[in-house]
Amino acid sequence: MRVAVGLSFDSDHETIWLRDGQTSPGRLSQGEYGARAAVPRILRLLDRRGIPASFYVPAVCALLRPDEARGYAQAGHEVALHGWIHERNSELPATTERELTLRAAETLTRISGTEPAGIRNPSWDFSHATLDIIRELGLRYDSSLMADDDPYEIDAAGQPTGIVEIPVQWIRDDAPYFPVDPARPFTPPRDIGQVWRDEFDQAYAQGGLFQLTMHPHVIGPRSRFVVLEELVDYIAGHHGVWFATHADIASYVADTAGLQR
């Protein structure tokens, strides 16, 4: 293996707006596009290429569309935690964050039929209480922090936790490039495809991890999705590429490094 490739999708759908009490059909339809048009497109691509991916699902999305959450797991993909309703963790009391996260874990387990191995906090908002909640749930990894290019072990008060961080990065996230606000600048999709190719090329040259964060309602439109298809084909054309879920990458890192929980 030369490089690990972790494709991930935050299936937020309508929760971005529902979280803030916005219920206008126009707003919600932007999120509905993710479930209605983009998710089937994504699953077809992954199935054609035989690629496992990680789907981070707010519990409310699983409640609204249980067949979608079950479908991810049945297709061999990872279903992982992504909050209750895409809440802002740092604005919540620690007890509320804990309650919502535990409730989300129970909901995802019940609906998807698989127990989450990891978490990605909504908007990558890692509060002062988040690590304790991760440890209480017995999760193997987090994917919300940005301290490295490659996976690393999270420390707490100078002590190792045994929890693997699968680091994210705004450069490797579709949302900053394609904002939902039409008044904000828009980046041509093929320009972003080149950025992501360069990121992969360096990960491949150095021998490490290429991790990508996407959102169905953001990457799903046709002119953007073709860039993802071309990127996947480009990556697959290299020798020594391991497409894996974030959970499998975390397990590999923990086993290789001999991490103790």
C-alpha atoms as a PDB file:
ATOM      1  CA  MET A   1       0.000   0.000   0.000  1.00  0.00           C
ATOM      2  CA  ARG A   2       1.349   3.417  -1.010  1.00  0.00           C
ATOM      3  CA  VAL A   3      -1.513   5.694   0.044  1.00  0.00           C
ATOM      4  CA  ALA A   4      -4.821   5.400   1.889  1.00  0.00           C
ATOM      5  CA  VAL A   5      -7.778   7.206   0.338  1.00  0.00           C
ATOM      6  CA  GLY A   6     -10.717   8.059   2.581  1.00  0.00           C
ATOM      7  CA  LEU A   7     -13.747   9.449   0.752  1.00  0.00           C
ATOM      8  CA  SER A   8     -16.382  10.813   3.106  1.00  0.00           C
ATOM      9  CA  PHE A   9     -19.799  12.384   2.716  1.00  0.00           C
ATOM     10  CA  ASP A  10     -21.604  14.466   5.339  1.00  0.00           C
ATOM     11  CA  SER A  11     -25.244  13.722   4.559  1.00  0.00           C
ATOM     12  CA  ASP A  12     -26.607  16.846   6.218  1.00  0.00           C
ATOM     13  CA  HIS A  13     -29.552  17.401   3.858  1.00  0.00           C
ATOM     14  CA  GLU A  14     -32.190  19.679   5.456  1.00  0.00           C
ATOM     15  CA  THR A  15     -30.652  19.761   8.936  1.00  0.00           C
ATOM     16  CA  ILE A  16     -28.507  22.804   8.111  1.00  0.00           C
ATOM     17  CA  TRP A  17     -31.698  24.867   7.928  1.00  0.00           C
ATOM     18  CA  LEU A  18     -33.872  22.947  10.389  1.00  0.00           C
ATOM     19  CA  ARG A  19     -31.238  23.495  13.093  1.00  0.00           C
ATOM     20  CA  ASP A  20     -31.880  27.224  12.841  1.00  0.00           C
ATOM     21  CA  GLY A  21     -35.653  26.924  12.622  1.00  0.00           C
ATOM     22  CA  GLN A  22     -35.764  27.758   8.919  1.00  0.00           C
ATOM     23  CA  THR A  23     -38.638  25.886   7.317  1.00  0.00           C
ATOM     24  CA  SER A  24     -39.225  27.676   4.021  1.00  0.00           C
ATOM     25  CA  PRO A  25     -39.680  25.216   1.144  1.00  0.00           C
ATOM     26  CA  GLY A  26     -37.032  27.022  -0.881  1.00  0.00           C
ATOM     27  CA  ARG A  27     -34.380  26.629   1.798  1.00  0.00           C
ATOM     28  CA  LEU A  28     -35.260  23.030   2.612  1.00  0.00           C
ATOM     29  CA  SER A  29     -35.277  22.063  -1.060  1.00  0.00           C
ATOM     30  CA  GLN A  30     -31.551  22.851  -1.219  1.00  0.00           C
ATOM     31  CA  GLY A  31     -30.948  20.126   1.338  1.00  0.00           C
ATOM     32  CA  GLU A  32     -33.559  17.806  -0.130  1.00  0.00           C
ATOM     33  CA  TYR A  33     -31.536  17.813  -3.346  1.00  0.00           C
ATOM     34  CA  GLY A  34     -28.818  15.931  -1.491  1.00  0.00           C
ATOM     35  CA  ALA A  35     -31.102  13.049  -0.600  1.00  0.00           C
ATOM     36  CA  ARG A  36     -33.231  13.090  -3.741  1.00  0.00           C
ATOM     37  CA  ALA A  37     -30.673  13.516  -6.531  1.00  0.00           C
ATOM     38  CA  ALA A  38     -27.140  13.375  -5.154  1.00  0.00           C
ATOM     39  CA  VAL A  39     -27.076  10.362  -2.829  1.00  0.00           C
ATOM     40  CA  PRO A  40     -28.231   7.913  -5.540  1.00  0.00           C
ATOM     41  CA  ARG A  41     -25.611   9.418  -7.865  1.00  0.00           C
ATOM     42  CA  ILE A  42     -22.904   8.983  -5.227  1.00  0.00           C
ATOM     43  CA  LEU A  43     -23.890   5.406  -4.415  1.00  0.00           C
ATOM     44  CA  ARG A  44     -23.884   4.457  -8.088  1.00  0.00           C
ATOM     45  CA  LEU A  45     -20.372   5.845  -8.505  1.00  0.00           C
ATOM     46  CA  LEU A  46     -19.056   4.027  -5.451  1.00  0.00           C
ATOM     47  CA  ASP A  47     -20.724   0.791  -6.538  1.00  0.00           C
ATOM     48  CA  ARG A  48     -19.316   0.986 -10.072  1.00  0.00           C
ATOM     49  CA  ARG A  49     -15.806   1.553  -8.754  1.00  0.00           C
ATOM     50  CA  GLY A  50     -16.103  -0.860  -5.819  1.00  0.00           C
ATOM     51  CA  ILE A  51     -15.132   1.862  -3.343  1.00  0.00           C
ATOM     52  CA  PRO A  52     -16.183   1.862   0.336  1.00  0.00           C
ATOM     53  CA  ALA A  53     -16.862   5.303   1.810  1.00  0.00           C
ATOM     54  CA  SER A  54     -17.830   6.876   5.121  1.00  0.00           C
ATOM     55  CA  PHE A  55     -21.181   8.632   5.517  1.00  0.00           C
ATOM     56  CA  TYR A  56     -21.596  11.005   8.463  1.00  0.00           C
ATOM     57  CA  VAL A  57     -25.303  11.215   9.195  1.00  0.00           C
ATOM     58  CA  PRO A  58     -27.109  13.594  11.570  1.00  0.00           C
ATOM     59  CA  ALA A  59     -29.603  11.493  13.519  1.00  0.00           C
ATOM     60  CA  VAL A  60     -32.517  13.633  12.352  1.00  0.00           C
ATOM     61  CA  CYS A  61     -31.622  12.744   8.749  1.00  0.00           C
ATOM     62  CA  ALA A  62     -31.703   9.051   9.670  1.00  0.00           C
ATOM     63  CA  LEU A  63     -35.121   9.527  11.289  1.00  0.00           C
ATOM     64  CA  LEU A  64     -36.463  11.357   8.249  1.00  0.00           C
ATOM     65  CA  ARG A  65     -35.068   8.815   5.754  1.00  0.00           C
ATOM     66  CA  PRO A  66     -34.312   5.520   7.523  1.00  0.00           C
ATOM     67  CA  ASP A  67     -34.028   3.624   4.236  1.00  0.00           C
ATOM     68  CA  GLU A  68     -31.167   5.891   3.171  1.00  0.00           C
ATOM     69  CA  ALA A  69     -29.199   5.304   6.378  1.00  0.00           C
ATOM     70  CA  ARG A  70     -29.796   1.546   6.171  1.00  0.00           C
ATOM     71  CA  GLY A  71     -28.856   1.612   2.508  1.00  0.00           C
ATOM     72  CA  TYR A  72     -25.419   2.991   3.256  1.00  0.00           C
ATOM     73  CA  ALA A  73     -24.666   0.120   5.623  1.00  0.00           C
ATOM     74  CA  GLN A  74     -26.194  -2.510   3.351  1.00  0.00           C
ATOM     75  CA  ALA A  75     -23.956  -1.322   0.508  1.00  0.00           C
ATOM     76  CA  GLY A  76     -20.890  -1.855   2.701  1.00  0.00           C
ATOM     77  CA  HIS A  77     -20.261   1.763   3.628  1.00  0.00           C
ATOM     78  CA  GLU A  78     -19.596   3.197   7.068  1.00  0.00           C
ATOM     79  CA  VAL A  79     -22.358   5.063   8.914  1.00  0.00           C
ATOM     80  CA  ALA A  80     -20.828   7.400  11.490  1.00  0.00           C
ATOM     81  CA  LEU A  81     -21.944  10.085  13.928  1.00  0.00           C
ATOM     82  CA  HIS A  82     -22.543  13.662  12.817  1.00  0.00           C
ATOM     83  CA  GLY A  83     -24.579  15.161  15.613  1.00  0.00           C
ATOM     84  CA  TRP A  84     -28.308  15.154  16.253  1.00  0.00           C
ATOM     85  CA  ILE A  85     -29.469  17.979  13.973  1.00  0.00           C
ATOM     86  CA  HIS A  86     -26.127  19.472  12.899  1.00  0.00           C
ATOM     87  CA  GLU A  87     -26.044  21.464  16.146  1.00  0.00           C
ATOM     88  CA  ARG A  88     -23.286  23.893  17.065  1.00  0.00           C
ATOM     89  CA  ASN A  89     -21.502  22.016  19.853  1.00  0.00           C
ATOM     90  CA  SER A  90     -19.568  24.940  21.280  1.00  0.00           C
ATOM     91  CA  GLU A  91     -22.759  26.914  21.832  1.00  0.00           C
ATOM     92  CA  LEU A  92     -24.343  24.136  23.907  1.00  0.00           C
ATOM     93  CA  PRO A  93     -23.940  23.251  27.589  1.00  0.00           C
ATOM     94  CA  ALA A  94     -21.764  20.154  27.961  1.00  0.00           C
ATOM     95  CA  THR A  95     -24.709  18.182  29.339  1.00  0.00           C
ATOM     96  CA  THR A  96     -26.801  19.011  26.275  1.00  0.00           C
ATOM     97  CA  GLU A  97     -24.019  18.087  23.862  1.00  0.00           C
ATOM     98  CA  ARG A  98     -23.602  14.777  25.674  1.00  0.00           C
ATOM     99  CA  GLU A  99     -27.334  14.034  25.647  1.00  0.00           C
ATOM    100  CA  LEU A 100     -27.689  14.791  21.944  1.00  0.00           C
ATOM    101  CA  THR A 101     -24.597  12.779  20.976  1.00  0.00           C
ATOM    102  CA  LEU A 102     -25.615   9.723  22.989  1.00  0.00           C
ATOM    103  CA  ARG A 103     -29.126   9.949  21.577  1.00  0.00           C
ATOM    104  CA  ALA A 104     -27.688  10.236  18.061  1.00  0.00           C
ATOM    105  CA  ALA A 105     -25.504   7.149  18.592  1.00  0.00           C
ATOM    106  CA  GLU A 106     -28.487   5.110  19.773  1.00  0.00           C
ATOM    107  CA  THR A 107     -30.604   6.302  16.842  1.00  0.00           C
ATOM    108  CA  LEU A 108     -27.993   5.551  14.174  1.00  0.00           C
ATOM    109  CA  THR A 109     -27.306   2.112  15.633  1.00  0.00           C
ATOM    110  CA  ARG A 110     -30.996   1.243  15.695  1.00  0.00           C
ATOM    111  CA  ILE A 111     -31.780   2.525  12.205  1.00  0.00           C
ATOM    112  CA  SER A 112     -28.642   1.538  10.280  1.00  0.00           C
ATOM    113  CA  GLY A 113     -28.071  -1.753  12.104  1.00  0.00           C
ATOM    114  CA  THR A 114     -24.416  -0.856  12.682  1.00  0.00           C
ATOM    115  CA  GLU A 115     -22.800   0.710  15.728  1.00  0.00           C
ATOM    116  CA  PRO A 116     -20.853   3.891  14.889  1.00  0.00           C
ATOM    117  CA  ALA A 117     -17.081   3.555  15.245  1.00  0.00           C
ATOM    118  CA  GLY A 118     -16.334   7.249  14.915  1.00  0.00           C
ATOM    119  CA  ILE A 119     -17.626  10.772  14.872  1.00  0.00           C
ATOM    120  CA  ARG A 120     -17.318  13.942  12.844  1.00  0.00           C
ATOM    121  CA  ASN A 121     -18.711  16.869  14.754  1.00  0.00           C
ATOM    122  CA  PRO A 122     -21.064  19.143  12.816  1.00  0.00           C
ATOM    123  CA  SER A 123     -19.007  21.914  11.215  1.00  0.00           C
ATOM    124  CA  TRP A 124     -15.965  20.223  12.848  1.00  0.00           C
ATOM    125  CA  ASP A 125     -16.945  22.032  16.064  1.00  0.00           C
ATOM    126  CA  PHE A 126     -14.917  20.164  18.694  1.00  0.00           C
ATOM    127  CA  SER A 127     -15.935  21.606  22.080  1.00  0.00           C
ATOM    128  CA  HIS A 128     -14.184  21.252  25.441  1.00  0.00           C
ATOM    129  CA  ALA A 129     -16.635  18.446  26.283  1.00  0.00           C
ATOM    130  CA  THR A 130     -16.379  16.501  23.019  1.00  0.00           C
ATOM    131  CA  LEU A 131     -13.400  14.293  23.900  1.00  0.00           C
ATOM    132  CA  ASP A 132     -15.001  13.070  27.120  1.00  0.00           C
ATOM    133  CA  ILE A 133     -18.140  12.166  25.174  1.00  0.00           C
ATOM    134  CA  ILE A 134     -16.094  10.293  22.566  1.00  0.00           C
ATOM    135  CA  ARG A 135     -14.393   8.311  25.313  1.00  0.00           C
ATOM    136  CA  GLU A 136     -17.674   7.571  27.085  1.00  0.00           C
ATOM    137  CA  LEU A 137     -19.126   6.174  23.861  1.00  0.00           C
ATOM    138  CA  GLY A 138     -16.029   4.041  23.283  1.00  0.00           C
ATOM    139  CA  LEU A 139     -15.506   5.425  19.776  1.00  0.00           C
ATOM    140  CA  ARG A 140     -12.323   4.441  17.973  1.00  0.00           C
ATOM    141  CA  TYR A 141     -11.738   7.670  16.110  1.00  0.00           C
ATOM    142  CA  ASP A 142     -12.668  11.287  15.497  1.00  0.00           C
ATOM    143  CA  SER A 143     -12.566  13.200  12.200  1.00  0.00           C
ATOM    144  CA  SER A 144     -13.021  16.848  13.176  1.00  0.00           C
ATOM    145  CA  LEU A 145      -9.523  18.232  13.834  1.00  0.00           C
ATOM    146  CA  MET A 146      -6.789  19.604  11.589  1.00  0.00           C
ATOM    147  CA  ALA A 147      -3.407  19.190  13.288  1.00  0.00           C
ATOM    148  CA  ASP A 148      -1.740  17.029  10.617  1.00  0.00           C
ATOM    149  CA  ASP A 149      -1.977  15.672   7.084  1.00  0.00           C
ATOM    150  CA  ASP A 150      -1.938  12.067   8.293  1.00  0.00           C
ATOM    151  CA  PRO A 151      -3.750  10.261  11.138  1.00  0.00           C
ATOM    152  CA  TYR A 152      -2.470  10.757  14.672  1.00  0.00           C
ATOM    153  CA  GLU A 153      -3.384   9.828  18.227  1.00  0.00           C
ATOM    154  CA  ILE A 154      -5.276  12.391  20.305  1.00  0.00           C
ATOM    155  CA  ASP A 155      -3.657  13.304  23.613  1.00  0.00           C
ATOM    156  CA  ALA A 156      -5.502  14.622  26.668  1.00  0.00           C
ATOM    157  CA  ALA A 157      -3.607  16.547  29.355  1.00  0.00           C
ATOM    158  CA  GLY A 158      -0.388  15.201  27.895  1.00  0.00           C
ATOM    159  CA  GLN A 159      -1.557  11.584  28.026  1.00  0.00           C
ATOM    160  CA  PRO A 160      -2.396   9.344  25.044  1.00  0.00           C
ATOM    161  CA  THR A 161      -6.062   8.407  24.654  1.00  0.00           C
ATOM    162  CA  GLY A 162      -5.842   5.604  22.092  1.00  0.00           C
ATOM    163  CA  ILE A 163      -8.301   7.571  19.948  1.00  0.00           C
ATOM    164  CA  VAL A 164      -7.206   8.049  16.342  1.00  0.00           C
ATOM    165  CA  GLU A 165      -7.738  11.379  14.635  1.00  0.00           C
ATOM    166  CA  ILE A 166      -8.483  11.175  10.889  1.00  0.00           C
ATOM    167  CA  PRO A 167      -7.690  14.825  10.162  1.00  0.00           C
ATOM    168  CA  VAL A 168      -9.843  17.008   7.959  1.00  0.00           C
ATOM    169  CA  GLN A 169      -8.878  20.218   6.168  1.00  0.00           C
ATOM    170  CA  TRP A 170     -10.945  22.990   4.600  1.00  0.00           C
ATOM    171  CA  ILE A 171      -8.855  22.686   1.438  1.00  0.00           C
ATOM    172  CA  ARG A 172     -10.214  19.141   1.043  1.00  0.00           C
ATOM    173  CA  ASP A 173     -13.865  20.089   1.727  1.00  0.00           C
ATOM    174  CA  ASP A 174     -16.342  21.024  -0.984  1.00  0.00           C
ATOM    175  CA  ALA A 175     -18.476  23.423   1.081  1.00  0.00           C
ATOM    176  CA  PRO A 176     -16.085  26.423   1.236  1.00  0.00           C
ATOM    177  CA  TYR A 177     -15.746  26.445  -2.535  1.00  0.00           C
ATOM    178  CA  PHE A 178     -19.464  26.184  -3.322  1.00  0.00           C
ATOM    179  CA  PRO A 179     -21.417  28.293  -0.795  1.00  0.00           C
ATOM    180  CA  VAL A 180     -25.216  28.093  -0.783  1.00  0.00           C
ATOM    181  CA  ASP A 181     -25.427  31.897  -0.610  1.00  0.00           C
ATOM    182  CA  PRO A 182     -25.664  33.041  -4.265  1.00  0.00           C
ATOM    183  CA  ALA A 183     -24.155  36.403  -3.355  1.00  0.00           C
ATOM    184  CA  ARG A 184     -20.838  34.819  -2.364  1.00  0.00           C
ATOM    185  CA  PRO A 185     -18.061  34.021  -4.875  1.00  0.00           C
ATOM    186  CA  PHE A 186     -18.299  30.732  -6.731  1.00  0.00           C
ATOM    187  CA  THR A 187     -15.279  28.609  -7.640  1.00  0.00           C
ATOM    188  CA  PRO A 188     -15.319  26.781 -10.991  1.00  0.00           C
ATOM    189  CA  PRO A 189     -15.571  23.045 -10.238  1.00  0.00           C
ATOM    190  CA  ARG A 190     -12.594  22.046 -12.397  1.00  0.00           C
ATOM    191  CA  ASP A 191     -10.373  24.430 -10.457  1.00  0.00           C
ATOM    192  CA  ILE A 192     -11.270  22.531  -7.283  1.00  0.00           C
ATOM    193  CA  GLY A 193     -10.629  19.237  -9.038  1.00  0.00           C
ATOM    194  CA  GLN A 194      -7.066  20.378  -9.702  1.00  0.00           C
ATOM    195  CA  VAL A 195      -6.557  21.379  -6.051  1.00  0.00           C
ATOM    196  CA  TRP A 196      -7.696  17.929  -4.936  1.00  0.00           C
ATOM    197  CA  ARG A 197      -5.466  16.215  -7.515  1.00  0.00           C
ATOM    198  CA  ASP A 198      -2.497  18.150  -6.182  1.00  0.00           C
ATOM    199  CA  GLU A 199      -3.421  17.128  -2.635  1.00  0.00           C
ATOM    200  CA  PHE A 200      -3.605  13.486  -3.697  1.00  0.00           C
ATOM    201  CA  ASP A 201      -0.337  13.674  -5.656  1.00  0.00           C
ATOM    202  CA  GLN A 202       1.526  14.898  -2.579  1.00  0.00           C
ATOM    203  CA  ALA A 203      -0.074  12.274  -0.317  1.00  0.00           C
ATOM    204  CA  TYR A 204       0.903   9.619  -2.855  1.00  0.00           C
ATOM    205  CA  ALA A 205       4.458  10.907  -3.165  1.00  0.00           C
ATOM    206  CA  GLN A 206       4.935  11.062   0.602  1.00  0.00           C
ATOM    207  CA  GLY A 207       3.055   7.841   1.358  1.00  0.00           C
ATOM    208  CA  GLY A 208       0.201   8.734   3.679  1.00  0.00           C
ATOM    209  CA  LEU A 209      -3.482   9.674   3.687  1.00  0.00           C
ATOM    210  CA  PHE A 210      -5.659  11.481   1.173  1.00  0.00           C
ATOM    211  CA  GLN A 211      -8.894  12.367   2.947  1.00  0.00           C
ATOM    212  CA  LEU A 212     -11.787  14.190   1.275  1.00  0.00           C
ATOM    213  CA  THR A 213     -14.927  15.650   2.877  1.00  0.00           C
ATOM    214  CA  MET A 214     -17.982  16.192   0.688  1.00  0.00           C
ATOM    215  CA  HIS A 215     -21.678  16.930   1.114  1.00  0.00           C
ATOM    216  CA  PRO A 216     -24.275  15.376  -1.202  1.00  0.00           C
ATOM    217  CA  HIS A 217     -26.174  18.647  -1.653  1.00  0.00           C
ATOM    218  CA  VAL A 218     -22.905  20.437  -2.482  1.00  0.00           C
ATOM    219  CA  ILE A 219     -20.952  17.988  -4.664  1.00  0.00           C
ATOM    220  CA  GLY A 220     -24.057  16.444  -6.244  1.00  0.00           C
ATOM    221  CA  PRO A 221     -24.891  18.876  -9.076  1.00  0.00           C
ATOM    222  CA  ARG A 222     -23.819  17.510 -12.445  1.00  0.00           C
ATOM    223  CA  SER A 223     -21.056  19.980 -13.261  1.00  0.00           C
ATOM    224  CA  ARG A 224     -19.462  19.330  -9.862  1.00  0.00           C
ATOM    225  CA  PHE A 225     -20.070  15.603  -9.753  1.00  0.00           C
ATOM    226  CA  VAL A 226     -18.176  15.034 -12.982  1.00  0.00           C
ATOM    227  CA  VAL A 227     -15.107  16.452 -11.209  1.00  0.00           C
ATOM    228  CA  LEU A 228     -15.477  13.851  -8.440  1.00  0.00           C
ATOM    229  CA  GLU A 229     -15.852  11.073 -11.015  1.00  0.00           C
ATOM    230  CA  GLU A 230     -12.707  12.196 -12.813  1.00  0.00           C
ATOM    231  CA  LEU A 231     -10.808  12.477  -9.530  1.00  0.00           C
ATOM    232  CA  VAL A 232     -11.792   8.941  -8.515  1.00  0.00           C
ATOM    233  CA  ASP A 233     -10.672   7.590 -11.879  1.00  0.00           C
ATOM    234  CA  TYR A 234      -7.398   9.509 -11.625  1.00  0.00           C
ATOM    235  CA  ILE A 235      -6.675   8.106  -8.156  1.00  0.00           C
ATOM    236  CA  ALA A 236      -7.649   4.577  -9.166  1.00  0.00           C
ATOM    237  CA  GLY A 237      -5.123   4.761 -12.005  1.00  0.00           C
ATOM    238  CA  HIS A 238      -2.249   4.725  -9.493  1.00  0.00           C
ATOM    239  CA  HIS A 239      -0.676   1.579  -8.048  1.00  0.00           C
ATOM    240  CA  GLY A 240      -0.773   0.948  -4.313  1.00  0.00           C
ATOM    241  CA  VAL A 241      -3.985   2.878  -3.591  1.00  0.00           C
ATOM    242  CA  TRP A 242      -6.147   1.636  -0.709  1.00  0.00           C
ATOM    243  CA  PHE A 243      -9.702   2.993  -0.775  1.00  0.00           C
ATOM    244  CA  ALA A 244     -11.029   2.523   2.755  1.00  0.00           C
ATOM    245  CA  THR A 245     -13.591   3.793   5.217  1.00  0.00           C
ATOM    246  CA  HIS A 246     -12.399   6.106   7.950  1.00  0.00           C
ATOM    247  CA  ALA A 247     -13.144   3.340  10.466  1.00  0.00           C
ATOM    248  CA  ASP A 248     -10.871   0.907   8.638  1.00  0.00           C
ATOM    249  CA  ILE A 249      -8.133   3.524   8.350  1.00  0.00           C
ATOM    250  CA  ALA A 250      -8.403   4.219  12.090  1.00  0.00           C
ATOM    251  CA  SER A 251      -8.187   0.498  12.872  1.00  0.00           C
ATOM    252  CA  TYR A 252      -5.118   0.141  10.655  1.00  0.00           C
ATOM    253  CA  VAL A 253      -3.423   3.086  12.380  1.00  0.00           C
ATOM    254  CA  ALA A 254      -4.275   1.775  15.858  1.00  0.00           C
ATOM    255  CA  ASP A 255      -3.047  -1.737  15.071  1.00  0.00           C
ATOM    256  CA  THR A 256       0.127  -0.539  13.364  1.00  0.00           C
ATOM    257  CA  ALA A 257       1.005   1.865  16.180  1.00  0.00           C
ATOM    258  CA  GLY A 258      -0.123  -0.506  18.941  1.00  0.00           C
ATOM    259  CA  LEU A 259      -2.445   2.082  20.485  1.00  0.00           C
ATOM    260  CA  GLN A 260      -3.993   1.176  23.828  1.00  0.00           C
ATOM    261  CA  ARG A 261      -7.503   2.254  24.812  1.00  0.00           C
END
